[in-house]
Amino acid sequence: MLITTLSTRSAKSFYSETEAAQALGISIDRFRDLVKTHIAQSDDEINNIGSTTYQASDLLVLKLLAKIPVHH
């Protein structure tokens, strides 16, 4: 069984765009590109990327899609 963690600092329920990018170790621009490419399905969703909150599971999916090493 593979157990993954995003950060050992704290277990947050929700992450802002900035916190999510920091947790993934990427720039906000790279984070936005990942969301636009892999998650957003409409212009409305793309326009709301900065005001959306993300869960740890969202970050894990983005981490896998971005091929960022997952620590276990």
PDB file of N, CA and C in Angstrom:
ATOM      1  N   MET A   1       0.845  -1.171   0.000  1.00  0.00           N
ATOM      2  CA  MET A   1       0.000   0.000   0.000  1.00  0.00           C
ATOM      3  C   MET A   1       0.893   1.237   0.000  1.00  0.00           C
ATOM      4  N   LEU A   2       0.607   2.160  -0.914  1.00  0.00           N
ATOM      5  CA  LEU A   2       1.381   3.382  -1.045  1.00  0.00           C
ATOM      6  C   LEU A   2       0.687   4.499  -0.288  1.00  0.00           C
ATOM      7  N   ILE A   3       1.378   5.098   0.637  1.00  0.00           N
ATOM      8  CA  ILE A   3       0.853   6.223   1.401  1.00  0.00           C
ATOM      9  C   ILE A   3       1.630   7.456   0.979  1.00  0.00           C
ATOM     10  N   THR A   4       0.922   8.494   0.608  1.00  0.00           N
ATOM     11  CA  THR A   4       1.591   9.704   0.150  1.00  0.00           C
ATOM     12  C   THR A   4       1.245  10.873   1.056  1.00  0.00           C
ATOM     13  N   THR A   5       2.164  11.820   1.102  1.00  0.00           N
ATOM     14  CA  THR A   5       1.910  13.042   1.856  1.00  0.00           C
ATOM     15  C   THR A   5       2.311  14.229   1.010  1.00  0.00           C
ATOM     16  N   LEU A   6       1.620  15.326   1.191  1.00  0.00           N
ATOM     17  CA  LEU A   6       1.973  16.559   0.498  1.00  0.00           C
ATOM     18  C   LEU A   6       2.888  17.408   1.354  1.00  0.00           C
ATOM     19  N   SER A   7       2.676  17.353   2.630  1.00  0.00           N
ATOM     20  CA  SER A   7       3.482  18.161   3.540  1.00  0.00           C
ATOM     21  C   SER A   7       3.341  17.585   4.937  1.00  0.00           C
ATOM     22  N   THR A   8       4.413  17.601   5.667  1.00  0.00           N
ATOM     23  CA  THR A   8       4.328  17.119   7.035  1.00  0.00           C
ATOM     24  C   THR A   8       4.071  18.266   8.009  1.00  0.00           C
ATOM     25  N   ARG A   9       3.951  19.484   7.502  1.00  0.00           N
ATOM     26  CA  ARG A   9       3.724  20.651   8.347  1.00  0.00           C
ATOM     27  C   ARG A   9       2.382  20.587   9.053  1.00  0.00           C
ATOM     28  N   SER A  10       1.327  20.441   8.276  1.00  0.00           N
ATOM     29  CA  SER A  10       0.001  20.450   8.863  1.00  0.00           C
ATOM     30  C   SER A  10      -0.975  19.775   7.918  1.00  0.00           C
ATOM     31  N   ALA A  11      -2.047  19.301   8.485  1.00  0.00           N
ATOM     32  CA  ALA A  11      -3.093  18.683   7.677  1.00  0.00           C
ATOM     33  C   ALA A  11      -4.196  19.722   7.504  1.00  0.00           C
ATOM     34  N   LYS A  12      -4.168  20.415   6.385  1.00  0.00           N
ATOM     35  CA  LYS A  12      -5.161  21.444   6.113  1.00  0.00           C
ATOM     36  C   LYS A  12      -6.349  20.829   5.394  1.00  0.00           C
ATOM     37  N   SER A  13      -7.500  21.431   5.577  1.00  0.00           N
ATOM     38  CA  SER A  13      -8.689  20.980   4.869  1.00  0.00           C
ATOM     39  C   SER A  13      -8.748  21.585   3.470  1.00  0.00           C
ATOM     40  N   PHE A  14      -8.391  22.859   3.378  1.00  0.00           N
ATOM     41  CA  PHE A  14      -8.450  23.547   2.102  1.00  0.00           C
ATOM     42  C   PHE A  14      -7.212  24.401   1.904  1.00  0.00           C
ATOM     43  N   TYR A  15      -6.821  24.541   0.642  1.00  0.00           N
ATOM     44  CA  TYR A  15      -5.644  25.330   0.277  1.00  0.00           C
ATOM     45  C   TYR A  15      -6.056  26.414  -0.697  1.00  0.00           C
ATOM     46  N   SER A  16      -5.507  27.603  -0.523  1.00  0.00           N
ATOM     47  CA  SER A  16      -5.687  28.661  -1.510  1.00  0.00           C
ATOM     48  C   SER A  16      -4.787  28.336  -2.701  1.00  0.00           C
ATOM     49  N   GLU A  17      -4.915  29.106  -3.751  1.00  0.00           N
ATOM     50  CA  GLU A  17      -4.063  28.920  -4.927  1.00  0.00           C
ATOM     51  C   GLU A  17      -2.583  29.039  -4.539  1.00  0.00           C
ATOM     52  N   THR A  18      -2.252  30.045  -3.761  1.00  0.00           N
ATOM     53  CA  THR A  18      -0.862  30.267  -3.342  1.00  0.00           C
ATOM     54  C   THR A  18      -0.365  29.127  -2.469  1.00  0.00           C
ATOM     55  N   GLU A  19      -1.172  28.713  -1.497  1.00  0.00           N
ATOM     56  CA  GLU A  19      -0.792  27.608  -0.612  1.00  0.00           C
ATOM     57  C   GLU A  19      -0.636  26.307  -1.394  1.00  0.00           C
ATOM     58  N   ALA A  20      -1.521  26.090  -2.360  1.00  0.00           N
ATOM     59  CA  ALA A  20      -1.453  24.871  -3.170  1.00  0.00           C
ATOM     60  C   ALA A  20      -0.168  24.837  -3.982  1.00  0.00           C
ATOM     61  N   ALA A  21       0.166  25.956  -4.618  1.00  0.00           N
ATOM     62  CA  ALA A  21       1.405  26.023  -5.400  1.00  0.00           C
ATOM     63  C   ALA A  21       2.617  25.791  -4.501  1.00  0.00           C
ATOM     64  N   GLN A  22       2.608  26.400  -3.319  1.00  0.00           N
ATOM     65  CA  GLN A  22       3.719  26.213  -2.378  1.00  0.00           C
ATOM     66  C   GLN A  22       3.820  24.764  -1.929  1.00  0.00           C
ATOM     67  N   ALA A  23       2.681  24.137  -1.643  1.00  0.00           N
ATOM     68  CA  ALA A  23       2.685  22.735  -1.198  1.00  0.00           C
ATOM     69  C   ALA A  23       3.238  21.819  -2.274  1.00  0.00           C
ATOM     70  N   LEU A  24       3.005  22.176  -3.537  1.00  0.00           N
ATOM     71  CA  LEU A  24       3.512  21.370  -4.645  1.00  0.00           C
ATOM     72  C   LEU A  24       4.947  21.740  -5.018  1.00  0.00           C
ATOM     73  N   GLY A  25       5.433  22.860  -4.494  1.00  0.00           N
ATOM     74  CA  GLY A  25       6.793  23.296  -4.802  1.00  0.00           C
ATOM     75  C   GLY A  25       6.936  23.863  -6.204  1.00  0.00           C
ATOM     76  N   ILE A  26       5.854  24.498  -6.701  1.00  0.00           N
ATOM     77  CA  ILE A  26       5.871  25.070  -8.043  1.00  0.00           C
ATOM     78  C   ILE A  26       5.405  26.524  -7.986  1.00  0.00           C
ATOM     79  N   SER A  27       5.635  27.248  -9.070  1.00  0.00           N
ATOM     80  CA  SER A  27       5.193  28.642  -9.129  1.00  0.00           C
ATOM     81  C   SER A  27       3.672  28.697  -9.310  1.00  0.00           C
ATOM     82  N   ILE A  28       3.121  29.845  -8.989  1.00  0.00           N
ATOM     83  CA  ILE A  28       1.672  30.023  -9.187  1.00  0.00           C
ATOM     84  C   ILE A  28       1.329  29.907 -10.670  1.00  0.00           C
ATOM     85  N   ASP A  29       2.185  30.423 -11.535  1.00  0.00           N
ATOM     86  CA  ASP A  29       1.925  30.314 -12.977  1.00  0.00           C
ATOM     87  C   ASP A  29       1.882  28.858 -13.425  1.00  0.00           C
ATOM     88  N   ARG A  30       2.811  28.046 -12.932  1.00  0.00           N
ATOM     89  CA  ARG A  30       2.830  26.618 -13.269  1.00  0.00           C
ATOM     90  C   ARG A  30       1.579  25.934 -12.708  1.00  0.00           C
ATOM     91  N   PHE A  31       1.188  26.307 -11.494  1.00  0.00           N
ATOM     92  CA  PHE A  31      -0.024  25.751 -10.889  1.00  0.00           C
ATOM     93  C   PHE A  31      -1.243  26.079 -11.740  1.00  0.00           C
ATOM     94  N   ARG A  32      -1.360  27.341 -12.154  1.00  0.00           N
ATOM     95  CA  ARG A  32      -2.491  27.745 -12.999  1.00  0.00           C
ATOM     96  C   ARG A  32      -2.504  26.972 -14.311  1.00  0.00           C
ATOM     97  N   ASP A  33      -1.324  26.787 -14.897  1.00  0.00           N
ATOM     98  CA  ASP A  33      -1.239  26.020 -16.148  1.00  0.00           C
ATOM     99  C   ASP A  33      -1.724  24.586 -15.945  1.00  0.00           C
ATOM    100  N   LEU A  34      -1.335  23.977 -14.831  1.00  0.00           N
ATOM    101  CA  LEU A  34      -1.785  22.610 -14.548  1.00  0.00           C
ATOM    102  C   LEU A  34      -3.297  22.537 -14.405  1.00  0.00           C
ATOM    103  N   VAL A  35      -3.866  23.491 -13.672  1.00  0.00           N
ATOM    104  CA  VAL A  35      -5.317  23.504 -13.476  1.00  0.00           C
ATOM    105  C   VAL A  35      -6.024  23.730 -14.808  1.00  0.00           C
ATOM    106  N   LYS A  36      -5.525  24.670 -15.616  1.00  0.00           N
ATOM    107  CA  LYS A  36      -6.137  24.941 -16.925  1.00  0.00           C
ATOM    108  C   LYS A  36      -6.075  23.714 -17.824  1.00  0.00           C
ATOM    109  N   THR A  37      -4.953  23.038 -17.808  1.00  0.00           N
ATOM    110  CA  THR A  37      -4.747  21.897 -18.698  1.00  0.00           C
ATOM    111  C   THR A  37      -5.508  20.656 -18.250  1.00  0.00           C
ATOM    112  N   HIS A  38      -5.543  20.383 -16.951  1.00  0.00           N
ATOM    113  CA  HIS A  38      -6.049  19.102 -16.471  1.00  0.00           C
ATOM    114  C   HIS A  38      -7.379  19.139 -15.725  1.00  0.00           C
ATOM    115  N   ILE A  39      -7.813  20.316 -15.279  1.00  0.00           N
ATOM    116  CA  ILE A  39      -9.009  20.344 -14.441  1.00  0.00           C
ATOM    117  C   ILE A  39     -10.118  21.232 -15.003  1.00  0.00           C
ATOM    118  N   ALA A  40      -9.788  22.475 -15.330  1.00  0.00           N
ATOM    119  CA  ALA A  40     -10.808  23.423 -15.771  1.00  0.00           C
ATOM    120  C   ALA A  40     -11.466  22.944 -17.060  1.00  0.00           C
ATOM    121  N   GLN A  41     -12.790  23.023 -17.086  1.00  0.00           N
ATOM    122  CA  GLN A  41     -13.535  22.545 -18.249  1.00  0.00           C
ATOM    123  C   GLN A  41     -14.264  23.660 -18.984  1.00  0.00           C
ATOM    124  N   SER A  42     -14.215  24.869 -18.457  1.00  0.00           N
ATOM    125  CA  SER A  42     -14.892  25.985 -19.113  1.00  0.00           C
ATOM    126  C   SER A  42     -14.118  27.271 -18.848  1.00  0.00           C
ATOM    127  N   ASP A  43     -14.434  28.298 -19.643  1.00  0.00           N
ATOM    128  CA  ASP A  43     -13.795  29.603 -19.437  1.00  0.00           C
ATOM    129  C   ASP A  43     -14.119  30.149 -18.056  1.00  0.00           C
ATOM    130  N   ASP A  44     -15.333  29.892 -17.584  1.00  0.00           N
ATOM    131  CA  ASP A  44     -15.735  30.328 -16.248  1.00  0.00           C
ATOM    132  C   ASP A  44     -14.815  29.733 -15.181  1.00  0.00           C
ATOM    133  N   GLU A  45     -14.542  28.441 -15.290  1.00  0.00           N
ATOM    134  CA  GLU A  45     -13.662  27.776 -14.331  1.00  0.00           C
ATOM    135  C   GLU A  45     -12.241  28.320 -14.429  1.00  0.00           C
ATOM    136  N   ILE A  46     -11.785  28.576 -15.643  1.00  0.00           N
ATOM    137  CA  ILE A  46     -10.443  29.135 -15.829  1.00  0.00           C
ATOM    138  C   ILE A  46     -10.349  30.508 -15.187  1.00  0.00           C
ATOM    139  N   ASN A  47     -11.393  31.302 -15.325  1.00  0.00           N
ATOM    140  CA  ASN A  47     -11.392  32.658 -14.757  1.00  0.00           C
ATOM    141  C   ASN A  47     -11.452  32.654 -13.240  1.00  0.00           C
ATOM    142  N   ASN A  48     -11.878  31.558 -12.631  1.00  0.00           N
ATOM    143  CA  ASN A  48     -12.013  31.488 -11.174  1.00  0.00           C
ATOM    144  C   ASN A  48     -10.902  30.704 -10.483  1.00  0.00           C
ATOM    145  N   ILE A  49      -9.848  30.369 -11.211  1.00  0.00           N
ATOM    146  CA  ILE A  49      -8.762  29.580 -10.627  1.00  0.00           C
ATOM    147  C   ILE A  49      -8.201  30.245  -9.371  1.00  0.00           C
ATOM    148  N   GLY A  50      -8.002  31.553  -9.414  1.00  0.00           N
ATOM    149  CA  GLY A  50      -7.404  32.266  -8.283  1.00  0.00           C
ATOM    150  C   GLY A  50      -8.270  32.315  -7.046  1.00  0.00           C
ATOM    151  N   SER A  51      -9.586  32.164  -7.199  1.00  0.00           N
ATOM    152  CA  SER A  51     -10.482  32.235  -6.040  1.00  0.00           C
ATOM    153  C   SER A  51     -10.990  30.872  -5.598  1.00  0.00           C
ATOM    154  N   THR A  52     -10.537  29.830  -6.247  1.00  0.00           N
ATOM    155  CA  THR A  52     -10.943  28.475  -5.908  1.00  0.00           C
ATOM    156  C   THR A  52     -10.099  27.955  -4.750  1.00  0.00           C
ATOM    157  N   THR A  53     -10.707  27.143  -3.896  1.00  0.00           N
ATOM    158  CA  THR A  53      -9.923  26.456  -2.868  1.00  0.00           C
ATOM    159  C   THR A  53      -9.742  25.010  -3.296  1.00  0.00           C
ATOM    160  N   TYR A  54      -8.665  24.423  -2.840  1.00  0.00           N
ATOM    161  CA  TYR A  54      -8.281  23.072  -3.246  1.00  0.00           C
ATOM    162  C   TYR A  54      -8.122  22.186  -2.026  1.00  0.00           C
ATOM    163  N   GLN A  55      -8.478  20.923  -2.184  1.00  0.00           N
ATOM    164  CA  GLN A  55      -8.303  19.937  -1.123  1.00  0.00           C
ATOM    165  C   GLN A  55      -7.005  19.181  -1.365  1.00  0.00           C
ATOM    166  N   ALA A  56      -6.548  18.479  -0.342  1.00  0.00           N
ATOM    167  CA  ALA A  56      -5.317  17.697  -0.465  1.00  0.00           C
ATOM    168  C   ALA A  56      -5.408  16.701  -1.614  1.00  0.00           C
ATOM    169  N   SER A  57      -6.577  16.125  -1.837  1.00  0.00           N
ATOM    170  CA  SER A  57      -6.739  15.162  -2.935  1.00  0.00           C
ATOM    171  C   SER A  57      -6.556  15.847  -4.291  1.00  0.00           C
ATOM    172  N   ASP A  58      -6.986  17.101  -4.415  1.00  0.00           N
ATOM    173  CA  ASP A  58      -6.763  17.856  -5.653  1.00  0.00           C
ATOM    174  C   ASP A  58      -5.272  18.033  -5.901  1.00  0.00           C
ATOM    175  N   LEU A  59      -4.556  18.346  -4.830  1.00  0.00           N
ATOM    176  CA  LEU A  59      -3.115  18.557  -4.967  1.00  0.00           C
ATOM    177  C   LEU A  59      -2.399  17.271  -5.341  1.00  0.00           C
ATOM    178  N   LEU A  60      -2.846  16.179  -4.786  1.00  0.00           N
ATOM    179  CA  LEU A  60      -2.233  14.897  -5.123  1.00  0.00           C
ATOM    180  C   LEU A  60      -2.431  14.576  -6.602  1.00  0.00           C
ATOM    181  N   VAL A  61      -3.622  14.800  -7.110  1.00  0.00           N
ATOM    182  CA  VAL A  61      -3.899  14.550  -8.533  1.00  0.00           C
ATOM    183  C   VAL A  61      -3.030  15.459  -9.395  1.00  0.00           C
ATOM    184  N   LEU A  62      -2.946  16.729  -9.048  1.00  0.00           N
ATOM    185  CA  LEU A  62      -2.104  17.646  -9.819  1.00  0.00           C
ATOM    186  C   LEU A  62      -0.637  17.247  -9.745  1.00  0.00           C
ATOM    187  N   LYS A  63      -0.212  16.790  -8.583  1.00  0.00           N
ATOM    188  CA  LYS A  63       1.175  16.343  -8.413  1.00  0.00           C
ATOM    189  C   LYS A  63       1.469  15.167  -9.346  1.00  0.00           C
ATOM    190  N   LEU A  64       0.548  14.229  -9.411  1.00  0.00           N
ATOM    191  CA  LEU A  64       0.734  13.073 -10.286  1.00  0.00           C
ATOM    192  C   LEU A  64       0.707  13.469 -11.757  1.00  0.00           C
ATOM    193  N   LEU A  65      -0.218  14.344 -12.128  1.00  0.00           N
ATOM    194  CA  LEU A  65      -0.314  14.789 -13.512  1.00  0.00           C
ATOM    195  C   LEU A  65       0.914  15.588 -13.942  1.00  0.00           C
ATOM    196  N   ALA A  66       1.483  16.348 -13.013  1.00  0.00           N
ATOM    197  CA  ALA A  66       2.666  17.153 -13.300  1.00  0.00           C
ATOM    198  C   ALA A  66       3.950  16.338 -13.224  1.00  0.00           C
ATOM    199  N   LYS A  67       3.807  15.090 -12.804  1.00  0.00           N
ATOM    200  CA  LYS A  67       4.956  14.189 -12.635  1.00  0.00           C
ATOM    201  C   LYS A  67       5.957  14.731 -11.623  1.00  0.00           C
ATOM    202  N   ILE A  68       5.424  15.353 -10.573  1.00  0.00           N
ATOM    203  CA  ILE A  68       6.237  15.806  -9.455  1.00  0.00           C
ATOM    204  C   ILE A  68       6.411  14.590  -8.543  1.00  0.00           C
ATOM    205  N   PRO A  69       7.612  14.270  -8.124  1.00  0.00           N
ATOM    206  CA  PRO A  69       7.803  13.081  -7.285  1.00  0.00           C
ATOM    207  C   PRO A  69       6.920  13.111  -6.042  1.00  0.00           C
ATOM    208  N   VAL A  70       6.292  11.991  -5.779  1.00  0.00           N
ATOM    209  CA  VAL A  70       5.448  11.838  -4.591  1.00  0.00           C
ATOM    210  C   VAL A  70       6.281  11.144  -3.536  1.00  0.00           C
ATOM    211  N   HIS A  71       6.384  11.752  -2.354  1.00  0.00           N
ATOM    212  CA  HIS A  71       7.173  11.172  -1.260  1.00  0.00           C
ATOM    213  C   HIS A  71       6.306  10.190  -0.479  1.00  0.00           C
ATOM    214  N   HIS A  72       6.869   9.052  -0.159  1.00  0.00           N
ATOM    215  CA  HIS A  72       6.131   8.062   0.644  1.00  0.00           C
ATOM    216  C   HIS A  72       7.027   7.462   1.678  1.00  0.00           C
TER     217      HIS A  72
END
